[in-house]
Amino acid sequence: MGMFNWLASAGMTGFPQLAEAGGYSLNFDILEANIVNLVIVIGLLIYLGRGFLGDALVKRREAIETAIADAEANQKEAAATLAEEQEKLAQAQAEAKKILANAQTNATKAKEQILAEAKKEIQRIKDAGSQDTSASQERAIAEIQQRVTAMALEKVEADLKNQLGNNESAQRKLVDQSIALLGGNS
């Protein structure tokens, strides 16, 4: 408090016209007044604001330390979660590769099976076509043989009628030869 009184009395002696009026005043001399005013203001701030500023700074420090600790904990948790998710991603990629490999193997097997079945079907169709052709040929040959046989029989009958038609002795001779060939006696 003594300093405050000293400063007040020094201020009064610096401005005699204000001091005569009986009050305190500010000294507007820049070099002299700024230093004194700053010392007074800083002194008052330190004296009166020590508890308030100290508590505010302590609370602010605690809040900052808590925020830093929370941020570090969140960072560690995020790093652990990231590692887990990367591991899951790696497992999913490995599973996808397995599925793709199995799908390619199954596709290759299915392709081979389809090709084999197609070859069998083609061969069956060829065989059926060949059998149809062979059957058609055999039918045509049989039909031709029947016609040729029928024509030959007609020719033989016509020739026999012409040769044996009026000749009974030749007819009898032919019948006897036929019976002899069959194993009978006449």
Protein backbone atom coordinates (compact mmCIF):
# COMPACT_ATOMS: atom_id res chain seq x y z
CA MET A 1 0.00 0.00 0.00
CA GLY A 2 2.90 2.29 0.58
CA MET A 3 3.78 2.21 -3.05
CA PHE A 4 0.32 3.22 -4.03
CA ASN A 5 0.51 6.29 -1.73
CA TRP A 6 3.92 7.15 -3.06
CA LEU A 7 2.69 6.92 -6.63
CA ALA A 8 -0.32 9.02 -5.81
CA SER A 9 1.77 11.73 -4.18
CA ALA A 10 4.22 11.70 -7.07
CA GLY A 11 1.33 12.12 -9.46
CA MET A 12 0.09 15.12 -7.55
CA THR A 13 3.40 16.86 -7.58
CA GLY A 14 3.77 16.30 -11.34
CA PHE A 15 0.58 18.26 -12.15
CA PRO A 16 0.29 21.12 -9.67
CA GLN A 17 -2.91 22.55 -11.16
CA LEU A 18 -4.77 19.28 -10.65
CA ALA A 19 -3.31 18.78 -7.25
CA GLU A 20 -4.65 22.16 -6.21
CA ALA A 21 -8.09 21.07 -7.23
CA GLY A 22 -7.81 18.37 -4.62
CA GLY A 23 -7.99 15.13 -6.62
CA TYR A 24 -6.03 12.49 -8.27
CA SER A 25 -5.33 12.66 -11.94
CA LEU A 26 -3.58 10.82 -14.72
CA ASN A 27 -0.24 11.89 -15.92
CA PHE A 28 -0.27 12.27 -19.70
CA ASP A 29 3.44 12.55 -20.11
CA ILE A 30 4.10 9.52 -22.29
CA LEU A 31 7.50 8.53 -20.99
CA GLU A 32 6.72 9.02 -17.36
CA ALA A 33 3.06 8.04 -17.22
CA ASN A 34 3.17 4.76 -19.18
CA ILE A 35 5.70 3.12 -16.97
CA VAL A 36 3.96 4.14 -13.77
CA ASN A 37 0.50 3.25 -15.11
CA LEU A 38 1.70 -0.12 -16.35
CA VAL A 39 3.32 -0.90 -13.03
CA ILE A 40 0.10 0.00 -11.22
CA VAL A 41 -2.14 -2.01 -13.56
CA ILE A 42 0.14 -5.03 -13.53
CA GLY A 43 0.47 -4.85 -9.76
CA LEU A 44 -3.31 -4.70 -9.33
CA LEU A 45 -3.81 -7.54 -11.76
CA ILE A 46 -1.29 -9.70 -9.96
CA TYR A 47 -2.64 -8.86 -6.53
CA LEU A 48 -6.35 -9.13 -7.30
CA GLY A 49 -6.34 -11.59 -10.18
CA ARG A 50 -3.87 -14.07 -8.79
CA GLY A 51 -6.50 -16.43 -7.43
CA PHE A 52 -8.92 -16.01 -10.32
CA LEU A 53 -6.30 -16.31 -13.07
CA GLY A 54 -4.54 -19.14 -11.24
CA ASP A 55 -7.74 -21.15 -10.96
CA ALA A 56 -8.71 -20.39 -14.56
CA LEU A 57 -5.28 -21.41 -15.82
CA VAL A 58 -5.30 -24.59 -13.72
CA LYS A 59 -8.75 -25.50 -15.03
CA ARG A 60 -7.66 -24.73 -18.58
CA ARG A 61 -4.52 -26.84 -18.13
CA GLU A 62 -6.58 -29.74 -16.76
CA ALA A 63 -9.03 -29.44 -19.65
CA ILE A 64 -6.17 -29.45 -22.16
CA GLU A 65 -4.50 -32.44 -20.45
CA THR A 66 -7.84 -34.30 -20.43
CA ALA A 67 -8.39 -33.49 -24.09
CA ILE A 68 -4.87 -34.69 -24.94
CA ALA A 69 -5.37 -37.91 -22.97
CA ASP A 70 -8.73 -38.50 -24.66
CA ALA A 71 -7.20 -37.81 -28.07
CA GLU A 72 -4.36 -40.26 -27.36
CA ALA A 73 -6.85 -42.90 -26.18
CA ASN A 74 -9.01 -42.32 -29.27
CA GLN A 75 -5.92 -42.57 -31.46
CA LYS A 76 -4.91 -45.88 -29.86
CA GLU A 77 -8.47 -47.19 -30.22
CA ALA A 78 -8.61 -46.04 -33.83
CA ALA A 79 -5.25 -47.71 -34.55
CA ALA A 80 -6.48 -50.97 -32.98
CA THR A 81 -9.75 -50.76 -34.94
CA LEU A 82 -7.80 -50.01 -38.12
CA ALA A 83 -5.57 -53.05 -37.55
CA GLU A 84 -8.62 -55.27 -36.95
CA GLU A 85 -10.37 -53.96 -40.05
CA GLN A 86 -7.23 -54.41 -42.16
CA GLU A 87 -6.99 -58.00 -40.92
CA LYS A 88 -10.66 -58.55 -41.80
CA LEU A 89 -10.04 -57.00 -45.22
CA ALA A 90 -7.08 -59.31 -45.79
CA GLN A 91 -9.21 -62.31 -44.78
CA ALA A 92 -12.03 -61.16 -47.05
CA GLN A 93 -9.62 -60.74 -49.94
CA ALA A 94 -8.19 -64.22 -49.33
CA GLU A 95 -11.73 -65.65 -49.20
CA ALA A 96 -12.59 -63.80 -52.41
CA LYS A 97 -9.51 -65.29 -54.10
CA LYS A 98 -10.55 -68.78 -52.93
CA ILE A 99 -14.09 -68.26 -54.22
CA LEU A 100 -12.76 -66.96 -57.54
CA ALA A 101 -10.38 -69.92 -57.87
CA ASN A 102 -13.19 -72.37 -57.05
CA ALA A 103 -15.48 -70.64 -59.52
CA GLN A 104 -12.83 -70.84 -62.23
CA THR A 105 -12.24 -74.53 -61.46
CA ASN A 106 -15.97 -75.25 -61.50
CA ALA A 107 -16.37 -73.28 -64.72
CA THR A 108 -13.54 -75.26 -66.34
CA LYS A 109 -15.07 -78.55 -65.20
CA ALA A 110 -18.51 -77.51 -66.41
CA LYS A 111 -17.04 -76.42 -69.74
CA GLU A 112 -15.26 -79.75 -70.16
CA GLN A 113 -18.39 -81.66 -69.20
CA ILE A 114 -20.54 -79.67 -71.62
CA LEU A 115 -17.99 -80.20 -74.40
CA ALA A 116 -17.86 -83.94 -73.67
CA GLU A 117 -21.66 -84.17 -73.69
CA ALA A 118 -21.79 -82.17 -76.91
CA LYS A 119 -19.25 -84.53 -78.52
CA LYS A 120 -21.30 -87.53 -77.39
CA GLU A 121 -24.46 -85.96 -78.77
CA ILE A 122 -22.75 -85.17 -82.07
CA GLN A 123 -21.46 -88.74 -82.31
CA ARG A 124 -24.93 -90.08 -81.46
CA ILE A 125 -26.48 -87.90 -84.14
CA LYS A 126 -23.83 -89.02 -86.63
CA ASP A 127 -24.40 -92.65 -85.68
CA ALA A 128 -28.16 -92.22 -85.94
CA GLY A 129 -27.72 -90.56 -89.32
CA SER A 130 -25.38 -93.32 -90.39
CA GLN A 131 -27.82 -95.97 -89.16
CA ASP A 132 -30.65 -94.19 -90.94
CA THR A 133 -28.53 -94.11 -94.09
CA SER A 134 -27.55 -97.78 -93.66
CA ALA A 135 -31.15 -98.75 -92.95
CA SER A 136 -32.29 -96.78 -95.99
CA GLN A 137 -29.65 -98.47 -98.10
CA GLU A 138 -30.59 -101.90 -96.77
CA ARG A 139 -34.29 -101.20 -97.43
CA ALA A 140 -33.48 -99.99 -100.92
CA ILE A 141 -31.30 -103.06 -101.58
CA ALA A 142 -34.00 -105.39 -100.21
CA GLU A 143 -36.63 -103.67 -102.30
CA ILE A 144 -34.44 -103.91 -105.38
CA GLN A 145 -33.75 -107.59 -104.63
CA GLN A 146 -37.49 -108.22 -104.27
CA ARG A 147 -38.18 -106.48 -107.56
CA VAL A 148 -35.35 -108.28 -109.31
CA THR A 149 -36.57 -111.59 -107.85
CA ALA A 150 -40.13 -110.81 -108.86
CA MET A 151 -39.00 -109.82 -112.32
CA ALA A 152 -36.81 -112.94 -112.61
CA LEU A 153 -39.72 -115.13 -111.48
CA GLU A 154 -42.00 -113.47 -113.98
CA LYS A 155 -39.39 -114.01 -116.70
CA VAL A 156 -38.82 -117.64 -115.67
CA GLU A 157 -42.59 -118.25 -115.51
CA ALA A 158 -43.00 -116.67 -118.91
CA ASP A 159 -40.15 -118.73 -120.34
CA LEU A 160 -41.50 -121.89 -118.70
CA LYS A 161 -44.94 -121.28 -120.08
CA ASN A 162 -43.49 -120.73 -123.49
CA GLN A 163 -41.31 -123.82 -123.32
CA LEU A 164 -43.65 -126.09 -121.38
CA GLY A 165 -46.94 -124.61 -122.31
CA ASN A 166 -47.99 -127.25 -124.89
CA ASN A 167 -45.44 -129.90 -124.18
CA GLU A 168 -46.68 -132.36 -121.53
CA SER A 169 -43.70 -134.64 -121.66
CA ALA A 170 -41.41 -131.70 -120.79
CA GLN A 171 -43.74 -130.77 -117.89
CA ARG A 172 -43.66 -134.29 -116.58
CA LYS A 173 -39.93 -134.53 -116.89
CA LEU A 174 -39.55 -131.23 -114.90
CA VAL A 175 -41.86 -132.42 -112.12
CA ASP A 176 -39.94 -135.70 -111.83
CA GLN A 177 -36.60 -133.88 -111.62
CA SER A 178 -37.95 -131.51 -108.95
CA ILE A 179 -39.26 -134.44 -106.85
CA ALA A 180 -35.95 -136.22 -107.21
CA LEU A 181 -34.12 -133.17 -106.01
CA LEU A 182 -36.35 -132.91 -102.99
CA GLY A 183 -35.55 -136.47 -102.11
CA GLY A 184 -38.57 -138.32 -103.17
CA ASN A 185 -38.97 -141.28 -105.59
CA SER A 186 -41.35 -141.34 -108.46
